[in-house]
């Protein structure tokens, strides 16, 4: 992991979730591969770190990934 002086990067969170999946599966659902792929996709397209134009198909996949997380987190958080 690339933790410097207390900084945790988005991909570090994905790695932690992967390593401790049993702690996160109730929040993110039973499909670990799907959840981790969506987190990877979001990280790869973060505007703050990787600003670039997105083709429409990549933009739509990114929307699906965000929607997946939004739904899961709302269900978990009530």
C-alpha atoms as a PDB file:
ATOM      1  CA  UNK A   1       0.000   0.000   0.000  1.00  0.00           C
ATOM      2  CA  UNK A   2       1.107   3.544  -0.643  1.00  0.00           C
ATOM      3  CA  UNK A   3       0.383   5.140   2.719  1.00  0.00           C
ATOM      4  CA  UNK A   4       2.481   8.236   3.398  1.00  0.00           C
ATOM      5  CA  UNK A   5       2.203  10.185   6.636  1.00  0.00           C
ATOM      6  CA  UNK A   6      -1.368   9.063   7.257  1.00  0.00           C
ATOM      7  CA  UNK A   7      -2.626   9.431   3.692  1.00  0.00           C
ATOM      8  CA  UNK A   8      -4.784   6.620   2.377  1.00  0.00           C
ATOM      9  CA  UNK A   9      -5.454   6.601  -1.342  1.00  0.00           C
ATOM     10  CA  UNK A  10      -8.608   5.289  -2.973  1.00  0.00           C
ATOM     11  CA  UNK A  11      -6.862   2.211  -4.345  1.00  0.00           C
ATOM     12  CA  UNK A  12      -5.521   1.493  -0.849  1.00  0.00           C
ATOM     13  CA  UNK A  13      -9.137   1.262   0.290  1.00  0.00           C
ATOM     14  CA  UNK A  14      -9.845  -1.254  -2.473  1.00  0.00           C
ATOM     15  CA  UNK A  15      -6.840  -3.304  -1.326  1.00  0.00           C
ATOM     16  CA  UNK A  16      -8.012  -3.203   2.306  1.00  0.00           C
ATOM     17  CA  UNK A  17     -11.523  -4.232   1.295  1.00  0.00           C
ATOM     18  CA  UNK A  18     -10.059  -7.114  -0.704  1.00  0.00           C
ATOM     19  CA  UNK A  19      -7.813  -8.255   2.147  1.00  0.00           C
ATOM     20  CA  UNK A  20     -10.576  -8.034   4.754  1.00  0.00           C
ATOM     21  CA  UNK A  21     -13.521  -8.983   2.541  1.00  0.00           C
ATOM     22  CA  UNK A  22     -15.331 -10.749   5.377  1.00  0.00           C
ATOM     23  CA  UNK A  23     -15.647  -7.376   7.130  1.00  0.00           C
ATOM     24  CA  UNK A  24     -17.120  -5.679   4.048  1.00  0.00           C
ATOM     25  CA  UNK A  25     -19.235  -8.348   2.324  1.00  0.00           C
ATOM     26  CA  UNK A  26     -22.387  -7.414   4.242  1.00  0.00           C
ATOM     27  CA  UNK A  27     -21.997  -3.858   2.991  1.00  0.00           C
ATOM     28  CA  UNK A  28     -20.920  -4.545  -0.602  1.00  0.00           C
ATOM     29  CA  UNK A  29     -22.822  -7.739  -1.323  1.00  0.00           C
ATOM     30  CA  UNK A  30     -21.824 -11.336  -1.937  1.00  0.00           C
ATOM     31  CA  UNK A  31     -19.980 -10.786  -5.239  1.00  0.00           C
ATOM     32  CA  UNK A  32     -16.453  -9.826  -4.205  1.00  0.00           C
ATOM     33  CA  UNK A  33     -15.070  -9.779  -7.752  1.00  0.00           C
ATOM     34  CA  UNK A  34     -17.800  -7.424  -8.961  1.00  0.00           C
ATOM     35  CA  UNK A  35     -17.359  -5.024  -6.046  1.00  0.00           C
ATOM     36  CA  UNK A  36     -13.580  -4.908  -6.410  1.00  0.00           C
ATOM     37  CA  UNK A  37     -13.771  -4.449 -10.182  1.00  0.00           C
ATOM     38  CA  UNK A  38     -16.138  -1.501  -9.731  1.00  0.00           C
ATOM     39  CA  UNK A  39     -13.798   0.053  -7.161  1.00  0.00           C
ATOM     40  CA  UNK A  40     -10.867  -0.444  -9.539  1.00  0.00           C
ATOM     41  CA  UNK A  41     -12.831   1.135 -12.398  1.00  0.00           C
ATOM     42  CA  UNK A  42     -13.730   4.153 -10.259  1.00  0.00           C
ATOM     43  CA  UNK A  43     -10.110   4.587  -9.189  1.00  0.00           C
ATOM     44  CA  UNK A  44      -8.865   4.434 -12.765  1.00  0.00           C
ATOM     45  CA  UNK A  45     -11.249   7.199 -13.818  1.00  0.00           C
ATOM     46  CA  UNK A  46     -11.063   9.576 -10.842  1.00  0.00           C
ATOM     47  CA  UNK A  47     -11.037  13.088 -12.237  1.00  0.00           C
ATOM     48  CA  UNK A  48      -8.918  14.463  -9.405  1.00  0.00           C
ATOM     49  CA  UNK A  49      -6.063  12.101 -10.149  1.00  0.00           C
ATOM     50  CA  UNK A  50      -6.564  10.957 -13.730  1.00  0.00           C
ATOM     51  CA  UNK A  51      -8.323  13.806 -15.549  1.00  0.00           C
ATOM     52  CA  UNK A  52      -9.068  12.986 -19.180  1.00  0.00           C
ATOM     53  CA  UNK A  53     -11.934  12.790 -21.616  1.00  0.00           C
ATOM     54  CA  UNK A  54     -13.936   9.583 -21.356  1.00  0.00           C
ATOM     55  CA  UNK A  55     -15.480   7.732 -24.273  1.00  0.00           C
ATOM     56  CA  UNK A  56     -19.230   7.269 -23.836  1.00  0.00           C
ATOM     57  CA  UNK A  57     -18.986   3.521 -23.143  1.00  0.00           C
ATOM     58  CA  UNK A  58     -16.437   4.060 -20.359  1.00  0.00           C
ATOM     59  CA  UNK A  59     -18.565   6.853 -18.915  1.00  0.00           C
ATOM     60  CA  UNK A  60     -21.603   4.559 -18.818  1.00  0.00           C
ATOM     61  CA  UNK A  61     -19.595   1.797 -17.116  1.00  0.00           C
ATOM     62  CA  UNK A  62     -18.413   4.324 -14.552  1.00  0.00           C
ATOM     63  CA  UNK A  63     -22.015   5.358 -13.885  1.00  0.00           C
ATOM     64  CA  UNK A  64     -22.925   1.696 -13.319  1.00  0.00           C
ATOM     65  CA  UNK A  65     -20.029   1.320 -10.864  1.00  0.00           C
ATOM     66  CA  UNK A  66     -21.066   4.412  -8.896  1.00  0.00           C
ATOM     67  CA  UNK A  67     -24.707   3.304  -8.883  1.00  0.00           C
ATOM     68  CA  UNK A  68     -23.679  -0.106  -7.547  1.00  0.00           C
ATOM     69  CA  UNK A  69     -21.843   1.519  -4.640  1.00  0.00           C
ATOM     70  CA  UNK A  70     -24.608   4.041  -4.025  1.00  0.00           C
ATOM     71  CA  UNK A  71     -27.276   1.335  -3.791  1.00  0.00           C
ATOM     72  CA  UNK A  72     -25.147  -0.937  -1.581  1.00  0.00           C
ATOM     73  CA  UNK A  73     -24.196   1.841   0.813  1.00  0.00           C
ATOM     74  CA  UNK A  74     -27.781   3.110   1.074  1.00  0.00           C
ATOM     75  CA  UNK A  75     -29.016  -0.413   1.846  1.00  0.00           C
ATOM     76  CA  UNK A  76     -26.328  -0.868   4.462  1.00  0.00           C
ATOM     77  CA  UNK A  77     -26.717   2.541   6.056  1.00  0.00           C
ATOM     78  CA  UNK A  78     -30.484   2.573   6.034  1.00  0.00           C
END
